[in-house]
Every structure is written in C-alpha cells, then in structure tokens.
Amino acid sequence: MSLLDRGTSPDPFDTLPPAPLFTLTSDDVADGATLPLTAVHTSAGGQNLSPHLAWTGFPPGTQSFVVTCFDPDAPTGSGFWHWTLVDIPASVTELPHGVASGDLSGLPVGSFHVRNDYGTVDFGGASPPEGDRPHRYVFAVHAVDVPSLGIPDSVSPAVVGGNLTFHTLARGVLRATYQR
C-alpha cells in the first residue's frame, strides 16, 4: 500500500467528549483552505511562522486558553503535534502572526509551550511527506475552566490533551490542509 492509498484518519475531536464551539478566526489561515507558506516548516520551503489567531464568543467562566495544532494524517500511527501553547490568560483573545516562532518574546505572560513533535518548544509548521495526500492541520483554541492546567512544560502534548478533556468548556477550531 502506498502512502496515497491510506484512508482518512478521524478528526481528533471525534473521539473526545463534545464541547460547544466558539468563533476562531485568522488573518493567515482560512477554514478549509490550503495553509500559506508562512505556516509551512522551513524543511518544506516555508517560513515556519505561527499564524495569527483571534477568538470570540467563548463561555463565561473561561479562566484560560490553550492553543493546539495537530495533523491527524501524519503517517505515524499517532498523528503529529505542531503546536501546544498552554495557560494563556483569559484576558488574551488574540495571538499575532509569528508570536510562537523565533525568540517567543511576545507570548502572553504566564503562557508556555510544550515540546512539539519536531522536538522544539514553539510552533512547528506543516511538512507532510512529499507525494502524500493532503494533510489536515487542526488549529484549536480551548476555553479552559481553570487559570492554569497545573502541568510542567516538560509534559507531552498528549498529557496536555488529557488534561484538556476534563477542563475544556468550549473550543474554536480552524481546519486547513497542506500537501507537497
């Protein structure tokens, strides 16, 4: 079986408890569209810059946010985590273009990254294998019911996801694709 013959992986939120949705927008990423080269990893000819994200309509009681980007189509058996930014204060409702890249000096106070599947603690852009089918990149902002998940920055994105299962009030989601 070639990489192109693989079936479609489920959406990562299909197997989690349902959560209400709120509005997530971006000046860089359009829902259902192809990712711009700015959000593609340098190894695939891109600029590896985190996209602008803004969110509204989250529920009262939101005490913090977590941002994630996940590729369920990566040929790993477990997908690929591109971005996990934890403990964003509830007063923050927008992340500028490139804030999770480079020196990270513009990140919201108190927030932190956990290691992505590239092994770095920042945003890691799309880099699907050449010739593979289009990969989906699921950007999500999770409205959280606690001011901090109470986890260290040394945990994996899967540990963050496990904690989010029990603390997510609602989420905003954008899904984009990229293929080489």
C-alpha atoms as a PDB file:
ATOM      1  CA  MET A   1       0.000   0.000   0.000  1.00  0.00           C
ATOM      2  CA  SER A   2       1.379   3.406  -0.905  1.00  0.00           C
ATOM      3  CA  LEU A   3       1.020   6.499   1.255  1.00  0.00           C
ATOM      4  CA  LEU A   4      -1.621   7.733  -1.159  1.00  0.00           C
ATOM      5  CA  ASP A   5      -3.778   4.630  -0.534  1.00  0.00           C
ATOM      6  CA  ARG A   6      -4.212   5.281   3.189  1.00  0.00           C
ATOM      7  CA  GLY A   7      -7.718   6.048   4.402  1.00  0.00           C
ATOM      8  CA  THR A   8      -8.663   9.286   6.089  1.00  0.00           C
ATOM      9  CA  SER A   9      -7.899   9.493   9.794  1.00  0.00           C
ATOM     10  CA  PRO A  10     -10.680  10.660  12.083  1.00  0.00           C
ATOM     11  CA  ASP A  11     -10.833  14.259  13.189  1.00  0.00           C
ATOM     12  CA  PRO A  12      -9.084  14.485  16.577  1.00  0.00           C
ATOM     13  CA  PHE A  13     -12.239  15.839  18.234  1.00  0.00           C
ATOM     14  CA  ASP A  14     -14.464  12.979  17.018  1.00  0.00           C
ATOM     15  CA  THR A  15     -13.393  10.704  19.872  1.00  0.00           C
ATOM     16  CA  LEU A  16     -13.382  13.297  22.685  1.00  0.00           C
ATOM     17  CA  PRO A  17     -16.361  14.435  24.727  1.00  0.00           C
ATOM     18  CA  PRO A  18     -18.290  17.020  22.696  1.00  0.00           C
ATOM     19  CA  ALA A  19     -17.733  20.669  23.572  1.00  0.00           C
ATOM     20  CA  PRO A  20     -19.613  23.773  22.481  1.00  0.00           C
ATOM     21  CA  LEU A  21     -17.968  25.812  19.750  1.00  0.00           C
ATOM     22  CA  PHE A  22     -16.954  29.463  19.690  1.00  0.00           C
ATOM     23  CA  THR A  23     -15.546  31.586  16.877  1.00  0.00           C
ATOM     24  CA  LEU A  24     -11.883  31.239  15.877  1.00  0.00           C
ATOM     25  CA  THR A  25     -10.592  33.419  13.036  1.00  0.00           C
ATOM     26  CA  SER A  26      -7.229  34.130  11.476  1.00  0.00           C
ATOM     27  CA  ASP A  27      -5.726  36.688   9.138  1.00  0.00           C
ATOM     28  CA  ASP A  28      -3.456  33.869   7.882  1.00  0.00           C
ATOM     29  CA  VAL A  29      -5.457  30.616   7.868  1.00  0.00           C
ATOM     30  CA  ALA A  30      -8.883  30.149   6.300  1.00  0.00           C
ATOM     31  CA  ASP A  31     -11.043  27.233   7.380  1.00  0.00           C
ATOM     32  CA  GLY A  32     -10.955  24.544   4.693  1.00  0.00           C
ATOM     33  CA  ALA A  33      -8.243  26.292   2.664  1.00  0.00           C
ATOM     34  CA  THR A  34      -4.593  25.489   1.983  1.00  0.00           C
ATOM     35  CA  LEU A  35      -2.089  26.688   4.577  1.00  0.00           C
ATOM     36  CA  PRO A  36       0.025  29.639   3.451  1.00  0.00           C
ATOM     37  CA  LEU A  37       3.793  29.119   3.051  1.00  0.00           C
ATOM     38  CA  THR A  38       4.297  31.280   6.127  1.00  0.00           C
ATOM     39  CA  ALA A  39       2.850  28.405   8.226  1.00  0.00           C
ATOM     40  CA  VAL A  40       4.885  25.702   6.457  1.00  0.00           C
ATOM     41  CA  HIS A  41       8.083  24.388   8.061  1.00  0.00           C
ATOM     42  CA  THR A  42      11.411  25.567   6.648  1.00  0.00           C
ATOM     43  CA  SER A  43      12.244  21.938   5.781  1.00  0.00           C
ATOM     44  CA  ALA A  44       9.364  22.094   3.277  1.00  0.00           C
ATOM     45  CA  GLY A  45      10.250  25.508   1.857  1.00  0.00           C
ATOM     46  CA  GLY A  46       8.132  27.629   4.196  1.00  0.00           C
ATOM     47  CA  GLN A  47       8.789  30.291   6.800  1.00  0.00           C
ATOM     48  CA  ASN A  48       7.703  28.323   9.914  1.00  0.00           C
ATOM     49  CA  LEU A  49       5.767  31.219  11.456  1.00  0.00           C
ATOM     50  CA  SER A  50       2.784  30.701  13.713  1.00  0.00           C
ATOM     51  CA  PRO A  51      -0.429  32.083  12.246  1.00  0.00           C
ATOM     52  CA  HIS A  52      -2.436  34.963  13.623  1.00  0.00           C
ATOM     53  CA  LEU A  53      -5.394  33.670  15.662  1.00  0.00           C
ATOM     54  CA  ALA A  54      -8.276  35.573  17.271  1.00  0.00           C
ATOM     55  CA  TRP A  55     -11.276  34.223  19.166  1.00  0.00           C
ATOM     56  CA  THR A  56     -14.645  35.448  20.418  1.00  0.00           C
ATOM     57  CA  GLY A  57     -17.837  34.022  21.885  1.00  0.00           C
ATOM     58  CA  PHE A  58     -16.221  31.735  24.464  1.00  0.00           C
ATOM     59  CA  PRO A  59     -18.339  30.962  27.535  1.00  0.00           C
ATOM     60  CA  PRO A  60     -18.451  32.875  30.800  1.00  0.00           C
ATOM     61  CA  GLY A  61     -16.317  31.082  33.340  1.00  0.00           C
ATOM     62  CA  THR A  62     -13.385  30.769  30.948  1.00  0.00           C
ATOM     63  CA  GLN A  63     -10.260  31.210  33.069  1.00  0.00           C
ATOM     64  CA  SER A  64      -7.550  30.484  30.491  1.00  0.00           C
ATOM     65  CA  PHE A  65      -6.938  29.188  26.979  1.00  0.00           C
ATOM     66  CA  VAL A  66      -4.778  26.526  25.332  1.00  0.00           C
ATOM     67  CA  VAL A  67      -3.846  26.637  21.627  1.00  0.00           C
ATOM     68  CA  THR A  68      -3.077  23.446  19.723  1.00  0.00           C
ATOM     69  CA  CYS A  69      -2.312  22.445  16.153  1.00  0.00           C
ATOM     70  CA  PHE A  70      -2.473  18.762  15.242  1.00  0.00           C
ATOM     71  CA  ASP A  71      -2.050  16.803  11.996  1.00  0.00           C
ATOM     72  CA  PRO A  72      -4.158  13.615  12.246  1.00  0.00           C
ATOM     73  CA  ASP A  73      -2.937  12.494   8.802  1.00  0.00           C
ATOM     74  CA  ALA A  74       0.768  12.179   9.633  1.00  0.00           C
ATOM     75  CA  PRO A  75       1.974   8.651   8.801  1.00  0.00           C
ATOM     76  CA  THR A  76       2.983   7.928  12.399  1.00  0.00           C
ATOM     77  CA  GLY A  77       0.067   5.968  13.824  1.00  0.00           C
ATOM     78  CA  SER A  78      -0.450   8.765  16.354  1.00  0.00           C
ATOM     79  CA  GLY A  79      -0.630  11.945  14.281  1.00  0.00           C
ATOM     80  CA  PHE A  80       1.766  14.868  14.709  1.00  0.00           C
ATOM     81  CA  TRP A  81       1.605  17.733  17.214  1.00  0.00           C
ATOM     82  CA  HIS A  82       2.735  21.006  15.645  1.00  0.00           C
ATOM     83  CA  TRP A  83       1.841  23.449  18.415  1.00  0.00           C
ATOM     84  CA  THR A  84       0.752  23.388  22.050  1.00  0.00           C
ATOM     85  CA  LEU A  85       0.658  26.704  23.926  1.00  0.00           C
ATOM     86  CA  VAL A  86      -0.657  26.365  27.484  1.00  0.00           C
ATOM     87  CA  ASP A  87      -2.009  28.691  30.219  1.00  0.00           C
ATOM     88  CA  ILE A  88      -2.883  31.698  28.079  1.00  0.00           C
ATOM     89  CA  PRO A  89      -4.625  34.204  30.381  1.00  0.00           C
ATOM     90  CA  ALA A  90      -8.379  34.641  29.848  1.00  0.00           C
ATOM     91  CA  SER A  91      -7.788  38.326  29.061  1.00  0.00           C
ATOM     92  CA  VAL A  92      -5.900  37.358  25.876  1.00  0.00           C
ATOM     93  CA  THR A  93      -8.126  36.787  22.843  1.00  0.00           C
ATOM     94  CA  GLU A  94      -5.625  37.127  20.010  1.00  0.00           C
ATOM     95  CA  LEU A  95      -2.152  35.913  19.091  1.00  0.00           C
ATOM     96  CA  PRO A  96      -0.265  37.909  16.456  1.00  0.00           C
ATOM     97  CA  HIS A  97       1.357  36.344  13.398  1.00  0.00           C
ATOM     98  CA  GLY A  98       4.733  34.819  14.309  1.00  0.00           C
ATOM     99  CA  VAL A  99       4.401  35.190  18.094  1.00  0.00           C
ATOM    100  CA  ALA A 100       5.062  31.462  18.709  1.00  0.00           C
ATOM    101  CA  SER A 101       8.159  31.458  16.491  1.00  0.00           C
ATOM    102  CA  GLY A 102      11.633  32.941  16.823  1.00  0.00           C
ATOM    103  CA  ASP A 103      12.524  34.411  20.210  1.00  0.00           C
ATOM    104  CA  LEU A 104       8.965  33.977  21.614  1.00  0.00           C
ATOM    105  CA  SER A 105       9.250  37.364  23.357  1.00  0.00           C
ATOM    106  CA  GLY A 106       5.669  38.339  22.514  1.00  0.00           C
ATOM    107  CA  LEU A 107       3.945  35.355  24.127  1.00  0.00           C
ATOM    108  CA  PRO A 108       1.290  36.198  26.716  1.00  0.00           C
ATOM    109  CA  VAL A 109       2.705  36.470  30.238  1.00  0.00           C
ATOM    110  CA  GLY A 110       2.393  33.140  32.070  1.00  0.00           C
ATOM    111  CA  SER A 111       1.890  31.029  28.953  1.00  0.00           C
ATOM    112  CA  PHE A 112       4.335  28.371  27.816  1.00  0.00           C
ATOM    113  CA  HIS A 113       4.892  25.812  25.075  1.00  0.00           C
ATOM    114  CA  VAL A 114       5.314  22.099  25.497  1.00  0.00           C
ATOM    115  CA  ARG A 115       7.529  20.219  23.068  1.00  0.00           C
ATOM    116  CA  ASN A 116       6.041  19.662  19.640  1.00  0.00           C
ATOM    117  CA  ASP A 117       6.756  16.511  17.627  1.00  0.00           C
ATOM    118  CA  TYR A 118       9.741  18.209  15.972  1.00  0.00           C
ATOM    119  CA  GLY A 119      11.234  18.245  19.481  1.00  0.00           C
ATOM    120  CA  THR A 120      11.160  22.042  19.812  1.00  0.00           C
ATOM    121  CA  VAL A 121       9.148  24.263  22.163  1.00  0.00           C
ATOM    122  CA  ASP A 122       7.463  26.551  19.659  1.00  0.00           C
ATOM    123  CA  PHE A 123       5.207  26.407  16.614  1.00  0.00           C
ATOM    124  CA  GLY A 124       6.384  23.858  14.029  1.00  0.00           C
ATOM    125  CA  GLY A 125       4.899  24.370  10.571  1.00  0.00           C
ATOM    126  CA  ALA A 126       3.460  21.836   8.148  1.00  0.00           C
ATOM    127  CA  SER A 127       5.844  19.422   6.446  1.00  0.00           C
ATOM    128  CA  PRO A 128       3.967  16.383   5.150  1.00  0.00           C
ATOM    129  CA  PRO A 129       5.938  13.786   3.205  1.00  0.00           C
ATOM    130  CA  GLU A 130       6.368  14.654  -0.475  1.00  0.00           C
ATOM    131  CA  GLY A 131       3.769  12.915  -2.616  1.00  0.00           C
ATOM    132  CA  ASP A 132       1.468  12.135   0.309  1.00  0.00           C
ATOM    133  CA  ARG A 133      -2.203  13.084   0.230  1.00  0.00           C
ATOM    134  CA  PRO A 134      -3.251  16.472   1.618  1.00  0.00           C
ATOM    135  CA  HIS A 135      -2.798  16.596   5.381  1.00  0.00           C
ATOM    136  CA  ARG A 136      -5.284  18.321   7.674  1.00  0.00           C
ATOM    137  CA  TYR A 137      -3.992  20.824  10.214  1.00  0.00           C
ATOM    138  CA  VAL A 138      -6.460  21.302  13.050  1.00  0.00           C
ATOM    139  CA  PHE A 139      -5.889  24.594  14.864  1.00  0.00           C
ATOM    140  CA  ALA A 140      -7.884  24.824  18.089  1.00  0.00           C
ATOM    141  CA  VAL A 141      -8.273  27.285  20.915  1.00  0.00           C
ATOM    142  CA  HIS A 142      -9.637  25.589  24.013  1.00  0.00           C
ATOM    143  CA  ALA A 143     -11.513  27.667  26.627  1.00  0.00           C
ATOM    144  CA  VAL A 144     -10.432  26.220  29.965  1.00  0.00           C
ATOM    145  CA  ASP A 145     -12.235  26.271  33.341  1.00  0.00           C
ATOM    146  CA  VAL A 146      -9.065  26.792  35.426  1.00  0.00           C
ATOM    147  CA  PRO A 147      -6.462  29.589  35.283  1.00  0.00           C
ATOM    148  CA  SER A 148      -3.689  27.011  34.861  1.00  0.00           C
ATOM    149  CA  LEU A 149      -3.660  23.354  33.887  1.00  0.00           C
ATOM    150  CA  GLY A 150      -1.055  22.891  36.645  1.00  0.00           C
ATOM    151  CA  ILE A 151       1.316  20.927  34.450  1.00  0.00           C
ATOM    152  CA  PRO A 152       5.028  21.485  33.813  1.00  0.00           C
ATOM    153  CA  ASP A 153       6.457  22.439  30.429  1.00  0.00           C
ATOM    154  CA  SER A 154       8.193  19.057  30.266  1.00  0.00           C
ATOM    155  CA  VAL A 155       4.990  17.093  29.537  1.00  0.00           C
ATOM    156  CA  SER A 156       3.987  15.876  26.090  1.00  0.00           C
ATOM    157  CA  PRO A 157       1.142  17.349  24.032  1.00  0.00           C
ATOM    158  CA  ALA A 158      -0.798  14.138  24.773  1.00  0.00           C
ATOM    159  CA  VAL A 159      -0.661  14.921  28.510  1.00  0.00           C
ATOM    160  CA  VAL A 160      -1.934  18.434  27.778  1.00  0.00           C
ATOM    161  CA  GLY A 161      -4.731  16.881  25.700  1.00  0.00           C
ATOM    162  CA  GLY A 162      -5.656  14.527  28.524  1.00  0.00           C
ATOM    163  CA  ASN A 163      -5.941  17.453  30.924  1.00  0.00           C
ATOM    164  CA  LEU A 164      -7.974  19.409  28.387  1.00  0.00           C
ATOM    165  CA  THR A 165     -10.506  16.576  28.195  1.00  0.00           C
ATOM    166  CA  PHE A 166     -11.523  17.379  31.774  1.00  0.00           C
ATOM    167  CA  HIS A 167     -11.163  21.180  31.673  1.00  0.00           C
ATOM    168  CA  THR A 168     -12.429  22.325  28.249  1.00  0.00           C
ATOM    169  CA  LEU A 169     -15.574  24.439  28.407  1.00  0.00           C
ATOM    170  CA  ALA A 170     -15.683  25.076  24.649  1.00  0.00           C
ATOM    171  CA  ARG A 171     -13.359  25.309  21.668  1.00  0.00           C
ATOM    172  CA  GLY A 172     -12.851  27.240  18.474  1.00  0.00           C
ATOM    173  CA  VAL A 173     -11.471  25.294  15.513  1.00  0.00           C
ATOM    174  CA  LEU A 174      -9.980  26.039  12.089  1.00  0.00           C
ATOM    175  CA  ARG A 175      -9.032  23.207   9.740  1.00  0.00           C
ATOM    176  CA  ALA A 176      -6.641  23.814   6.871  1.00  0.00           C
ATOM    177  CA  THR A 177      -4.741  21.470   4.555  1.00  0.00           C
ATOM    178  CA  TYR A 178      -1.303  21.247   3.022  1.00  0.00           C
ATOM    179  CA  GLN A 179       0.302  18.882   0.503  1.00  0.00           C
ATOM    180  CA  ARG A 180       3.753  18.697  -1.101  1.00  0.00           C
END
